[in-house]
Amino acid sequence: ELLPRFGVSGNDAAETKAYIDANLSSVNGTAKYITINLGANDVEGTLPTEVAFKANLTSIIDSVRAKWPACLVYVANFWKRSE
């Protein structure tokens, strides 16, 4: 069973956190692993503070670990496409 993807193209960490907070409880099934790849959209436009970004990322990790305590959580390195 495939679980939904919570990533939305163009969303930053705060928007992704809000989306996960609103939708995670409706997801059924068991996750074996979660891949989190955030950060690229956080360097565009108005920059969030490092503290705010880390708080959003930590909240996302805490939320998925609360739902699936045995899953592995992989966090990708932050990157930005070169111009």
PDB file of N, CA and C in Angstrom:
ATOM      1  N   GLU A   1       0.844  -1.180   0.000  1.00  0.00           N
ATOM      2  CA  GLU A   1       0.000   0.000   0.000  1.00  0.00           C
ATOM      3  C   GLU A   1       0.889   1.242   0.000  1.00  0.00           C
ATOM      4  N   LEU A   2       0.658   2.119  -0.922  1.00  0.00           N
ATOM      5  CA  LEU A   2       1.419   3.357  -0.979  1.00  0.00           C
ATOM      6  C   LEU A   2       0.719   4.429  -0.162  1.00  0.00           C
ATOM      7  N   LEU A   3       1.481   5.109   0.653  1.00  0.00           N
ATOM      8  CA  LEU A   3       0.945   6.215   1.432  1.00  0.00           C
ATOM      9  C   LEU A   3       1.036   7.484   0.599  1.00  0.00           C
ATOM     10  N   PRO A   4       0.223   8.471   0.905  1.00  0.00           N
ATOM     11  CA  PRO A   4       0.238   9.701   0.104  1.00  0.00           C
ATOM     12  C   PRO A   4       1.521  10.486   0.268  1.00  0.00           C
ATOM     13  N   ARG A   5       1.806  11.285  -0.725  1.00  0.00           N
ATOM     14  CA  ARG A   5       2.918  12.220  -0.646  1.00  0.00           C
ATOM     15  C   ARG A   5       2.360  13.530  -0.121  1.00  0.00           C
ATOM     16  N   PHE A   6       3.060  14.110   0.833  1.00  0.00           N
ATOM     17  CA  PHE A   6       2.593  15.355   1.413  1.00  0.00           C
ATOM     18  C   PHE A   6       3.291  16.565   0.822  1.00  0.00           C
ATOM     19  N   GLY A   7       4.255  16.332  -0.040  1.00  0.00           N
ATOM     20  CA  GLY A   7       4.951  17.441  -0.665  1.00  0.00           C
ATOM     21  C   GLY A   7       4.089  18.120  -1.708  1.00  0.00           C
ATOM     22  N   VAL A   8       4.131  19.419  -1.710  1.00  0.00           N
ATOM     23  CA  VAL A   8       3.428  20.202  -2.715  1.00  0.00           C
ATOM     24  C   VAL A   8       4.460  21.122  -3.347  1.00  0.00           C
ATOM     25  N   SER A   9       4.616  21.014  -4.652  1.00  0.00           N
ATOM     26  CA  SER A   9       5.614  21.816  -5.340  1.00  0.00           C
ATOM     27  C   SER A   9       5.449  23.295  -5.012  1.00  0.00           C
ATOM     28  N   GLY A  10       6.534  23.919  -4.593  1.00  0.00           N
ATOM     29  CA  GLY A  10       6.514  25.346  -4.267  1.00  0.00           C
ATOM     30  C   GLY A  10       6.281  25.653  -2.800  1.00  0.00           C
ATOM     31  N   ASN A  11       5.873  24.644  -2.013  1.00  0.00           N
ATOM     32  CA  ASN A  11       5.645  24.893  -0.585  1.00  0.00           C
ATOM     33  C   ASN A  11       6.961  24.981   0.177  1.00  0.00           C
ATOM     34  N   ASP A  12       6.975  25.846   1.177  1.00  0.00           N
ATOM     35  CA  ASP A  12       8.129  25.904   2.066  1.00  0.00           C
ATOM     36  C   ASP A  12       7.847  25.024   3.290  1.00  0.00           C
ATOM     37  N   ALA A  13       8.751  24.995   4.249  1.00  0.00           N
ATOM     38  CA  ALA A  13       8.604  24.120   5.411  1.00  0.00           C
ATOM     39  C   ALA A  13       7.369  24.456   6.234  1.00  0.00           C
ATOM     40  N   ALA A  14       7.048  25.726   6.395  1.00  0.00           N
ATOM     41  CA  ALA A  14       5.870  26.118   7.183  1.00  0.00           C
ATOM     42  C   ALA A  14       4.584  25.654   6.500  1.00  0.00           C
ATOM     43  N   GLU A  15       4.504  25.812   5.189  1.00  0.00           N
ATOM     44  CA  GLU A  15       3.317  25.370   4.453  1.00  0.00           C
ATOM     45  C   GLU A  15       3.188  23.853   4.475  1.00  0.00           C
ATOM     46  N   THR A  16       4.316  23.156   4.369  1.00  0.00           N
ATOM     47  CA  THR A  16       4.302  21.696   4.421  1.00  0.00           C
ATOM     48  C   THR A  16       3.854  21.221   5.796  1.00  0.00           C
ATOM     49  N   LYS A  17       4.350  21.864   6.846  1.00  0.00           N
ATOM     50  CA  LYS A  17       3.937  21.513   8.211  1.00  0.00           C
ATOM     51  C   LYS A  17       2.430  21.687   8.371  1.00  0.00           C
ATOM     52  N   ALA A  18       1.893  22.802   7.909  1.00  0.00           N
ATOM     53  CA  ALA A  18       0.451  23.057   8.015  1.00  0.00           C
ATOM     54  C   ALA A  18      -0.346  21.999   7.246  1.00  0.00           C
ATOM     55  N   TYR A  19       0.130  21.633   6.068  1.00  0.00           N
ATOM     56  CA  TYR A  19      -0.539  20.631   5.251  1.00  0.00           C
ATOM     57  C   TYR A  19      -0.531  19.277   5.950  1.00  0.00           C
ATOM     58  N   ILE A  20       0.615  18.893   6.512  1.00  0.00           N
ATOM     59  CA  ILE A  20       0.718  17.625   7.231  1.00  0.00           C
ATOM     60  C   ILE A  20      -0.165  17.648   8.473  1.00  0.00           C
ATOM     61  N   ASP A  21      -0.144  18.744   9.218  1.00  0.00           N
ATOM     62  CA  ASP A  21      -0.986  18.858  10.415  1.00  0.00           C
ATOM     63  C   ASP A  21      -2.463  18.669  10.072  1.00  0.00           C
ATOM     64  N   ALA A  22      -2.885  19.183   8.934  1.00  0.00           N
ATOM     65  CA  ALA A  22      -4.295  19.113   8.542  1.00  0.00           C
ATOM     66  C   ALA A  22      -4.694  17.753   7.976  1.00  0.00           C
ATOM     67  N   ASN A  23      -3.738  16.984   7.454  1.00  0.00           N
ATOM     68  CA  ASN A  23      -4.096  15.775   6.714  1.00  0.00           C
ATOM     69  C   ASN A  23      -3.561  14.460   7.264  1.00  0.00           C
ATOM     70  N   LEU A  24      -2.588  14.480   8.138  1.00  0.00           N
ATOM     71  CA  LEU A  24      -1.941  13.243   8.581  1.00  0.00           C
ATOM     72  C   LEU A  24      -2.903  12.301   9.296  1.00  0.00           C
ATOM     73  N   SER A  25      -3.822  12.828  10.074  1.00  0.00           N
ATOM     74  CA  SER A  25      -4.726  11.966  10.831  1.00  0.00           C
ATOM     75  C   SER A  25      -5.635  11.132   9.938  1.00  0.00           C
ATOM     76  N   SER A  26      -5.861  11.549   8.711  1.00  0.00           N
ATOM     77  CA  SER A  26      -6.745  10.813   7.805  1.00  0.00           C
ATOM     78  C   SER A  26      -6.023   9.716   7.020  1.00  0.00           C
ATOM     79  N   VAL A  27      -4.715   9.591   7.200  1.00  0.00           N
ATOM     80  CA  VAL A  27      -3.934   8.598   6.462  1.00  0.00           C
ATOM     81  C   VAL A  27      -4.009   7.251   7.173  1.00  0.00           C
ATOM     82  N   ASN A  28      -4.330   6.215   6.408  1.00  0.00           N
ATOM     83  CA  ASN A  28      -4.344   4.848   6.931  1.00  0.00           C
ATOM     84  C   ASN A  28      -3.109   4.124   6.434  1.00  0.00           C
ATOM     85  N   GLY A  29      -2.776   3.042   7.085  1.00  0.00           N
ATOM     86  CA  GLY A  29      -1.628   2.255   6.670  1.00  0.00           C
ATOM     87  C   GLY A  29      -0.447   2.490   7.586  1.00  0.00           C
ATOM     88  N   THR A  30       0.615   1.753   7.322  1.00  0.00           N
ATOM     89  CA  THR A  30       1.821   1.834   8.132  1.00  0.00           C
ATOM     90  C   THR A  30       2.997   2.241   7.255  1.00  0.00           C
ATOM     91  N   ALA A  31       3.743   3.210   7.700  1.00  0.00           N
ATOM     92  CA  ALA A  31       4.925   3.652   6.956  1.00  0.00           C
ATOM     93  C   ALA A  31       6.151   2.917   7.476  1.00  0.00           C
ATOM     94  N   LYS A  32       6.970   2.411   6.565  1.00  0.00           N
ATOM     95  CA  LYS A  32       8.240   1.798   6.940  1.00  0.00           C
ATOM     96  C   LYS A  32       9.340   2.847   6.975  1.00  0.00           C
ATOM     97  N   TYR A  33       9.219   3.827   6.087  1.00  0.00           N
ATOM     98  CA  TYR A  33      10.186   4.919   6.069  1.00  0.00           C
ATOM     99  C   TYR A  33       9.528   6.178   5.529  1.00  0.00           C
ATOM    100  N   ILE A  34      10.086   7.310   5.916  1.00  0.00           N
ATOM    101  CA  ILE A  34       9.628   8.624   5.478  1.00  0.00           C
ATOM    102  C   ILE A  34      10.854   9.362   4.957  1.00  0.00           C
ATOM    103  N   THR A  35      10.733   9.985   3.807  1.00  0.00           N
ATOM    104  CA  THR A  35      11.807  10.818   3.274  1.00  0.00           C
ATOM    105  C   THR A  35      11.342  12.261   3.305  1.00  0.00           C
ATOM    106  N   ILE A  36      12.134  13.118   3.915  1.00  0.00           N
ATOM    107  CA  ILE A  36      11.811  14.539   4.002  1.00  0.00           C
ATOM    108  C   ILE A  36      12.860  15.310   3.219  1.00  0.00           C
ATOM    109  N   ASN A  37      12.392  16.075   2.247  1.00  0.00           N
ATOM    110  CA  ASN A  37      13.292  16.858   1.408  1.00  0.00           C
ATOM    111  C   ASN A  37      12.750  18.288   1.367  1.00  0.00           C
ATOM    112  N   LEU A  38      13.154  19.094   2.313  1.00  0.00           N
ATOM    113  CA  LEU A  38      12.688  20.473   2.435  1.00  0.00           C
ATOM    114  C   LEU A  38      13.877  21.423   2.405  1.00  0.00           C
ATOM    115  N   GLY A  39      13.592  22.680   2.214  1.00  0.00           N
ATOM    116  CA  GLY A  39      14.638  23.686   2.323  1.00  0.00           C
ATOM    117  C   GLY A  39      14.829  24.528   1.080  1.00  0.00           C
ATOM    118  N   ALA A  40      14.668  23.923  -0.108  1.00  0.00           N
ATOM    119  CA  ALA A  40      14.916  24.681  -1.336  1.00  0.00           C
ATOM    120  C   ALA A  40      13.968  25.868  -1.472  1.00  0.00           C
ATOM    121  N   ASN A  41      12.723  25.688  -1.122  1.00  0.00           N
ATOM    122  CA  ASN A  41      11.756  26.781  -1.253  1.00  0.00           C
ATOM    123  C   ASN A  41      11.844  27.768  -0.098  1.00  0.00           C
ATOM    124  N   ASP A  42      12.556  27.410   0.943  1.00  0.00           N
ATOM    125  CA  ASP A  42      12.717  28.313   2.077  1.00  0.00           C
ATOM    126  C   ASP A  42      13.779  29.378   1.826  1.00  0.00           C
ATOM    127  N   VAL A  43      14.576  29.212   0.801  1.00  0.00           N
ATOM    128  CA  VAL A  43      15.609  30.212   0.510  1.00  0.00           C
ATOM    129  C   VAL A  43      15.157  31.225  -0.534  1.00  0.00           C
ATOM    130  N   GLU A  44      13.949  31.061  -1.031  1.00  0.00           N
ATOM    131  CA  GLU A  44      13.389  31.989  -2.010  1.00  0.00           C
ATOM    132  C   GLU A  44      12.550  33.041  -1.301  1.00  0.00           C
ATOM    133  N   GLY A  45      12.494  34.224  -1.840  1.00  0.00           N
ATOM    134  CA  GLY A  45      11.605  35.260  -1.300  1.00  0.00           C
ATOM    135  C   GLY A  45      11.979  35.669   0.115  1.00  0.00           C
ATOM    136  N   THR A  46      10.991  35.717   0.980  1.00  0.00           N
ATOM    137  CA  THR A  46      11.202  36.111   2.368  1.00  0.00           C
ATOM    138  C   THR A  46      11.768  34.935   3.137  1.00  0.00           C
ATOM    139  N   LEU A  47      12.962  35.083   3.613  1.00  0.00           N
ATOM    140  CA  LEU A  47      13.622  33.986   4.321  1.00  0.00           C
ATOM    141  C   LEU A  47      13.065  33.818   5.729  1.00  0.00           C
ATOM    142  N   PRO A  48      12.739  32.567   6.106  1.00  0.00           N
ATOM    143  CA  PRO A  48      12.380  32.342   7.497  1.00  0.00           C
ATOM    144  C   PRO A  48      13.658  32.346   8.333  1.00  0.00           C
ATOM    145  N   THR A  49      13.521  32.578   9.602  1.00  0.00           N
ATOM    146  CA  THR A  49      14.699  32.485  10.446  1.00  0.00           C
ATOM    147  C   THR A  49      15.114  31.026  10.537  1.00  0.00           C
ATOM    148  N   GLU A  50      16.363  30.806  10.867  1.00  0.00           N
ATOM    149  CA  GLU A  50      16.845  29.435  11.027  1.00  0.00           C
ATOM    150  C   GLU A  50      16.062  28.729  12.120  1.00  0.00           C
ATOM    151  N   VAL A  51      15.747  29.456  13.180  1.00  0.00           N
ATOM    152  CA  VAL A  51      14.995  28.878  14.298  1.00  0.00           C
ATOM    153  C   VAL A  51      13.611  28.428  13.829  1.00  0.00           C
ATOM    154  N   ALA A  52      12.922  29.261  13.040  1.00  0.00           N
ATOM    155  CA  ALA A  52      11.589  28.918  12.547  1.00  0.00           C
ATOM    156  C   ALA A  52      11.647  27.710  11.616  1.00  0.00           C
ATOM    157  N   PHE A  53      12.629  27.674  10.722  1.00  0.00           N
ATOM    158  CA  PHE A  53      12.764  26.547   9.804  1.00  0.00           C
ATOM    159  C   PHE A  53      12.985  25.253  10.585  1.00  0.00           C
ATOM    160  N   LYS A  54      13.912  25.288  11.542  1.00  0.00           N
ATOM    161  CA  LYS A  54      14.204  24.095  12.334  1.00  0.00           C
ATOM    162  C   LYS A  54      13.003  23.659  13.164  1.00  0.00           C
ATOM    163  N   ALA A  55      12.242  24.620  13.674  1.00  0.00           N
ATOM    164  CA  ALA A  55      11.041  24.286  14.447  1.00  0.00           C
ATOM    165  C   ALA A  55      10.006  23.592  13.569  1.00  0.00           C
ATOM    166  N   ASN A  56       9.814  24.083  12.343  1.00  0.00           N
ATOM    167  CA  ASN A  56       8.870  23.442  11.420  1.00  0.00           C
ATOM    168  C   ASN A  56       9.329  22.045  11.043  1.00  0.00           C
ATOM    169  N   LEU A  57      10.603  21.887  10.735  1.00  0.00           N
ATOM    170  CA  LEU A  57      11.144  20.588  10.374  1.00  0.00           C
ATOM    171  C   LEU A  57      11.020  19.613  11.544  1.00  0.00           C
ATOM    172  N   THR A  58      11.352  20.057  12.736  1.00  0.00           N
ATOM    173  CA  THR A  58      11.251  19.207  13.929  1.00  0.00           C
ATOM    174  C   THR A  58       9.803  18.788  14.173  1.00  0.00           C
ATOM    175  N   SER A  59       8.872  19.712  13.990  1.00  0.00           N
ATOM    176  CA  SER A  59       7.454  19.397  14.179  1.00  0.00           C
ATOM    177  C   SER A  59       6.983  18.344  13.178  1.00  0.00           C
ATOM    178  N   ILE A  60       7.428  18.461  11.934  1.00  0.00           N
ATOM    179  CA  ILE A  60       7.071  17.473  10.915  1.00  0.00           C
ATOM    180  C   ILE A  60       7.593  16.101  11.309  1.00  0.00           C
ATOM    181  N   ILE A  61       8.848  16.035  11.712  1.00  0.00           N
ATOM    182  CA  ILE A  61       9.440  14.760  12.124  1.00  0.00           C
ATOM    183  C   ILE A  61       8.688  14.194  13.326  1.00  0.00           C
ATOM    184  N   ASP A  62       8.397  15.030  14.309  1.00  0.00           N
ATOM    185  CA  ASP A  62       7.663  14.581  15.495  1.00  0.00           C
ATOM    186  C   ASP A  62       6.282  14.041  15.129  1.00  0.00           C
ATOM    187  N   SER A  63       5.605  14.697  14.192  1.00  0.00           N
ATOM    188  CA  SER A  63       4.262  14.272  13.783  1.00  0.00           C
ATOM    189  C   SER A  63       4.281  12.893  13.133  1.00  0.00           C
ATOM    190  N   VAL A  64       5.205  12.676  12.202  1.00  0.00           N
ATOM    191  CA  VAL A  64       5.239  11.369  11.526  1.00  0.00           C
ATOM    192  C   VAL A  64       5.739  10.280  12.468  1.00  0.00           C
ATOM    193  N   ARG A  65       6.645  10.625  13.375  1.00  0.00           N
ATOM    194  CA  ARG A  65       7.107   9.628  14.358  1.00  0.00           C
ATOM    195  C   ARG A  65       6.017   9.282  15.366  1.00  0.00           C
ATOM    196  N   ALA A  66       5.149  10.238  15.694  1.00  0.00           N
ATOM    197  CA  ALA A  66       4.036   9.956  16.596  1.00  0.00           C
ATOM    198  C   ALA A  66       3.045   8.994  15.928  1.00  0.00           C
ATOM    199  N   LYS A  67       2.823   9.173  14.644  1.00  0.00           N
ATOM    200  CA  LYS A  67       1.882   8.307  13.917  1.00  0.00           C
ATOM    201  C   LYS A  67       2.490   6.941  13.644  1.00  0.00           C
ATOM    202  N   TRP A  68       3.768   6.914  13.271  1.00  0.00           N
ATOM    203  CA  TRP A  68       4.456   5.667  12.936  1.00  0.00           C
ATOM    204  C   TRP A  68       5.777   5.585  13.715  1.00  0.00           C
ATOM    205  N   PRO A  69       5.725   5.192  14.982  1.00  0.00           N
ATOM    206  CA  PRO A  69       6.928   5.222  15.828  1.00  0.00           C
ATOM    207  C   PRO A  69       8.081   4.338  15.331  1.00  0.00           C
ATOM    208  N   ALA A  70       7.775   3.293  14.591  1.00  0.00           N
ATOM    209  CA  ALA A  70       8.828   2.374  14.149  1.00  0.00           C
ATOM    210  C   ALA A  70       9.413   2.742  12.787  1.00  0.00           C
ATOM    211  N   CYS A  71       8.890   3.765  12.135  1.00  0.00           N
ATOM    212  CA  CYS A  71       9.381   4.090  10.794  1.00  0.00           C
ATOM    213  C   CYS A  71      10.749   4.770  10.861  1.00  0.00           C
ATOM    214  N   LEU A  72      11.492   4.602   9.804  1.00  0.00           N
ATOM    215  CA  LEU A  72      12.771   5.298   9.662  1.00  0.00           C
ATOM    216  C   LEU A  72      12.496   6.637   8.995  1.00  0.00           C
ATOM    217  N   VAL A  73      13.117   7.686   9.497  1.00  0.00           N
ATOM    218  CA  VAL A  73      12.926   9.019   8.932  1.00  0.00           C
ATOM    219  C   VAL A  73      14.250   9.470   8.333  1.00  0.00           C
ATOM    220  N   TYR A  74      14.239   9.728   7.038  1.00  0.00           N
ATOM    221  CA  TYR A  74      15.416  10.210   6.332  1.00  0.00           C
ATOM    222  C   TYR A  74      15.194  11.678   5.976  1.00  0.00           C
ATOM    223  N   VAL A  75      16.157  12.521   6.306  1.00  0.00           N
ATOM    224  CA  VAL A  75      16.071  13.943   5.985  1.00  0.00           C
ATOM    225  C   VAL A  75      17.188  14.258   4.992  1.00  0.00           C
ATOM    226  N   ALA A  76      16.803  14.746   3.810  1.00  0.00           N
ATOM    227  CA  ALA A  76      17.772  15.065   2.766  1.00  0.00           C
ATOM    228  C   ALA A  76      18.517  16.351   3.108  1.00  0.00           C
ATOM    229  N   ASN A  77      19.723  16.467   2.590  1.00  0.00           N
ATOM    230  CA  ASN A  77      20.464  17.723   2.724  1.00  0.00           C
ATOM    231  C   ASN A  77      19.713  18.829   2.004  1.00  0.00           C
ATOM    232  N   PHE A  78      19.793  20.022   2.545  1.00  0.00           N
ATOM    233  CA  PHE A  78      19.131  21.164   1.930  1.00  0.00           C
ATOM    234  C   PHE A  78      19.924  21.594   0.704  1.00  0.00           C
ATOM    235  N   TRP A  79      19.227  22.013  -0.317  1.00  0.00           N
ATOM    236  CA  TRP A  79      19.906  22.436  -1.549  1.00  0.00           C
ATOM    237  C   TRP A  79      19.082  23.516  -2.235  1.00  0.00           C
ATOM    238  N   LYS A  80      19.732  24.198  -3.119  1.00  0.00           N
ATOM    239  CA  LYS A  80      19.071  25.191  -3.964  1.00  0.00           C
ATOM    240  C   LYS A  80      19.625  25.050  -5.368  1.00  0.00           C
ATOM    241  N   ARG A  81      18.733  24.998  -6.321  1.00  0.00           N
ATOM    242  CA  ARG A  81      19.157  24.882  -7.719  1.00  0.00           C
ATOM    243  C   ARG A  81      19.989  26.109  -8.087  1.00  0.00           C
ATOM    244  N   SER A  82      21.121  25.880  -8.741  1.00  0.00           N
ATOM    245  CA  SER A  82      21.952  27.012  -9.130  1.00  0.00           C
ATOM    246  C   SER A  82      21.278  27.783 -10.243  1.00  0.00           C
ATOM    247  N   GLU A  83      21.518  29.071 -10.281  1.00  0.00           N
ATOM    248  CA  GLU A  83      20.842  29.943 -11.222  1.00  0.00           C
ATOM    249  C   GLU A  83      21.599  30.069 -12.522  1.00  0.00           C
TER     250      GLU A  83
END
